[in-house]
Amino acid sequence: MIVYVEVEFIIPTAHSLKEKRAVLQRMITRTKQKFNVSVAEIDHQDVWQRTRLALVAVSSSKASAEREINHALHFLQSNPAWEQLEVWRDYL
């Protein structure tokens, strides 16, 4: 089972691409280290205060892939430096 999630965040404290990337790279690295998911920024690379991330988890069962994605999403949502705008899921 493959669970694919896109999540969009706004980073109100970022006033440059450098500040945005500092927040973004820290969270992407920590998410990859803590959870069995792949993470990449897929949109808004040149926008200061906005980002769209893609997360993917692959597992033999839907429940375990979903659980891993949910843990990673909860971790990302817990960051006070940004606010979640939307989440989109797909199951393959």
C-alpha atoms as a PDB file:
ATOM      1  CA  MET A   1       0.000   0.000   0.000  1.00  0.00           C
ATOM      2  CA  ILE A   2       1.232   3.492  -0.857  1.00  0.00           C
ATOM      3  CA  VAL A   3      -0.132   6.549   0.935  1.00  0.00           C
ATOM      4  CA  TYR A   4       0.574   9.882  -0.762  1.00  0.00           C
ATOM      5  CA  VAL A   5      -0.139  13.174   0.998  1.00  0.00           C
ATOM      6  CA  GLU A   6       0.280  16.782  -0.068  1.00  0.00           C
ATOM      7  CA  VAL A   7       0.242  19.386   2.676  1.00  0.00           C
ATOM      8  CA  GLU A   8       0.486  23.144   2.262  1.00  0.00           C
ATOM      9  CA  PHE A   9       1.856  25.509   4.896  1.00  0.00           C
ATOM     10  CA  ILE A  10       2.205  29.248   5.272  1.00  0.00           C
ATOM     11  CA  ILE A  11       5.270  30.564   7.118  1.00  0.00           C
ATOM     12  CA  PRO A  12       4.264  34.020   8.400  1.00  0.00           C
ATOM     13  CA  THR A  13       7.618  34.735  10.079  1.00  0.00           C
ATOM     14  CA  ALA A  14       9.666  34.229   6.888  1.00  0.00           C
ATOM     15  CA  HIS A  15      10.708  37.473   5.223  1.00  0.00           C
ATOM     16  CA  SER A  16      13.090  35.947   2.687  1.00  0.00           C
ATOM     17  CA  LEU A  17      13.707  32.669   0.899  1.00  0.00           C
ATOM     18  CA  LYS A  18      16.667  32.105   3.214  1.00  0.00           C
ATOM     19  CA  GLU A  19      14.428  32.268   6.320  1.00  0.00           C
ATOM     20  CA  LYS A  20      11.831  30.023   4.674  1.00  0.00           C
ATOM     21  CA  ARG A  21      14.417  27.417   3.703  1.00  0.00           C
ATOM     22  CA  ALA A  22      15.904  27.408   7.206  1.00  0.00           C
ATOM     23  CA  VAL A  23      12.525  26.403   8.662  1.00  0.00           C
ATOM     24  CA  LEU A  24      11.711  24.054   5.797  1.00  0.00           C
ATOM     25  CA  GLN A  25      14.991  22.156   5.678  1.00  0.00           C
ATOM     26  CA  ARG A  26      15.030  21.647   9.454  1.00  0.00           C
ATOM     27  CA  MET A  27      11.519  20.154   9.405  1.00  0.00           C
ATOM     28  CA  ILE A  28      12.117  17.999   6.316  1.00  0.00           C
ATOM     29  CA  THR A  29      15.325  16.571   7.783  1.00  0.00           C
ATOM     30  CA  ARG A  30      13.760  15.846  11.177  1.00  0.00           C
ATOM     31  CA  THR A  31      10.689  14.246   9.597  1.00  0.00           C
ATOM     32  CA  LYS A  32      12.822  11.925   7.467  1.00  0.00           C
ATOM     33  CA  GLN A  33      14.921  10.974  10.500  1.00  0.00           C
ATOM     34  CA  LYS A  34      11.989  10.294  12.837  1.00  0.00           C
ATOM     35  CA  PHE A  35       9.517   8.587  10.487  1.00  0.00           C
ATOM     36  CA  ASN A  36       9.630   6.043   7.685  1.00  0.00           C
ATOM     37  CA  VAL A  37       8.410   8.496   5.025  1.00  0.00           C
ATOM     38  CA  SER A  38       9.812  10.353   2.056  1.00  0.00           C
ATOM     39  CA  VAL A  39       9.360  14.137   2.054  1.00  0.00           C
ATOM     40  CA  ALA A  40       9.980  16.766  -0.623  1.00  0.00           C
ATOM     41  CA  GLU A  41       8.929  20.334  -1.355  1.00  0.00           C
ATOM     42  CA  ILE A  42       6.902  20.149  -4.571  1.00  0.00           C
ATOM     43  CA  ASP A  43       5.548  23.678  -5.056  1.00  0.00           C
ATOM     44  CA  HIS A  44       6.104  27.339  -4.121  1.00  0.00           C
ATOM     45  CA  GLN A  45       9.904  27.012  -4.124  1.00  0.00           C
ATOM     46  CA  ASP A  46      10.332  30.700  -5.021  1.00  0.00           C
ATOM     47  CA  VAL A  47       7.659  32.080  -2.672  1.00  0.00           C
ATOM     48  CA  TRP A  48       8.804  33.390   0.716  1.00  0.00           C
ATOM     49  CA  GLN A  49       5.934  32.442   2.984  1.00  0.00           C
ATOM     50  CA  ARG A  50       4.368  29.391   1.391  1.00  0.00           C
ATOM     51  CA  THR A  51       5.320  25.777   0.758  1.00  0.00           C
ATOM     52  CA  ARG A  52       3.703  22.548  -0.423  1.00  0.00           C
ATOM     53  CA  LEU A  53       5.210  19.285   0.757  1.00  0.00           C
ATOM     54  CA  ALA A  54       4.638  15.763  -0.525  1.00  0.00           C
ATOM     55  CA  LEU A  55       4.911  12.837   1.882  1.00  0.00           C
ATOM     56  CA  VAL A  56       4.896   9.187   0.836  1.00  0.00           C
ATOM     57  CA  ALA A  57       4.791   6.044   2.946  1.00  0.00           C
ATOM     58  CA  VAL A  58       5.015   2.531   1.534  1.00  0.00           C
ATOM     59  CA  SER A  59       3.989  -0.502   3.555  1.00  0.00           C
ATOM     60  CA  SER A  60       2.495  -3.966   3.194  1.00  0.00           C
ATOM     61  CA  SER A  61      -0.705  -2.780   4.884  1.00  0.00           C
ATOM     62  CA  LYS A  62      -2.820   0.329   4.558  1.00  0.00           C
ATOM     63  CA  ALA A  63      -3.047   0.710   8.339  1.00  0.00           C
ATOM     64  CA  SER A  64       0.697   0.871   8.934  1.00  0.00           C
ATOM     65  CA  ALA A  65       1.301   3.273   6.020  1.00  0.00           C
ATOM     66  CA  GLU A  66      -1.553   5.470   7.225  1.00  0.00           C
ATOM     67  CA  ARG A  67      -0.221   5.407  10.792  1.00  0.00           C
ATOM     68  CA  GLU A  68       3.263   6.476   9.671  1.00  0.00           C
ATOM     69  CA  ILE A  69       1.853   9.322   7.549  1.00  0.00           C
ATOM     70  CA  ASN A  70      -0.380  10.482  10.410  1.00  0.00           C
ATOM     71  CA  HIS A  71       2.566  10.575  12.833  1.00  0.00           C
ATOM     72  CA  ALA A  72       4.650  12.561  10.327  1.00  0.00           C
ATOM     73  CA  LEU A  73       1.772  14.991   9.674  1.00  0.00           C
ATOM     74  CA  HIS A  74       1.211  15.506  13.384  1.00  0.00           C
ATOM     75  CA  PHE A  75       4.915  16.251  13.806  1.00  0.00           C
ATOM     76  CA  LEU A  76       4.869  18.771  10.937  1.00  0.00           C
ATOM     77  CA  GLN A  77       1.697  20.434  12.253  1.00  0.00           C
ATOM     78  CA  SER A  78       3.283  20.839  15.701  1.00  0.00           C
ATOM     79  CA  ASN A  79       5.861  23.324  14.391  1.00  0.00           C
ATOM     80  CA  PRO A  80       4.875  26.808  15.671  1.00  0.00           C
ATOM     81  CA  ALA A  81       6.803  28.504  12.821  1.00  0.00           C
ATOM     82  CA  TRP A  82       4.102  27.681  10.270  1.00  0.00           C
ATOM     83  CA  GLU A  83       0.378  27.126   9.830  1.00  0.00           C
ATOM     84  CA  GLN A  84      -1.240  24.347   7.833  1.00  0.00           C
ATOM     85  CA  LEU A  85      -3.507  25.459   5.000  1.00  0.00           C
ATOM     86  CA  GLU A  86      -4.681  22.180   3.458  1.00  0.00           C
ATOM     87  CA  VAL A  87      -4.052  18.449   3.253  1.00  0.00           C
ATOM     88  CA  TRP A  88      -4.784  16.156   0.306  1.00  0.00           C
ATOM     89  CA  ARG A  89      -4.469  12.328   0.440  1.00  0.00           C
ATOM     90  CA  ASP A  90      -4.377   9.579  -2.127  1.00  0.00           C
ATOM     91  CA  TYR A  91      -4.048   5.812  -1.785  1.00  0.00           C
ATOM     92  CA  LEU A  92      -2.297   3.766  -4.458  1.00  0.00           C
END
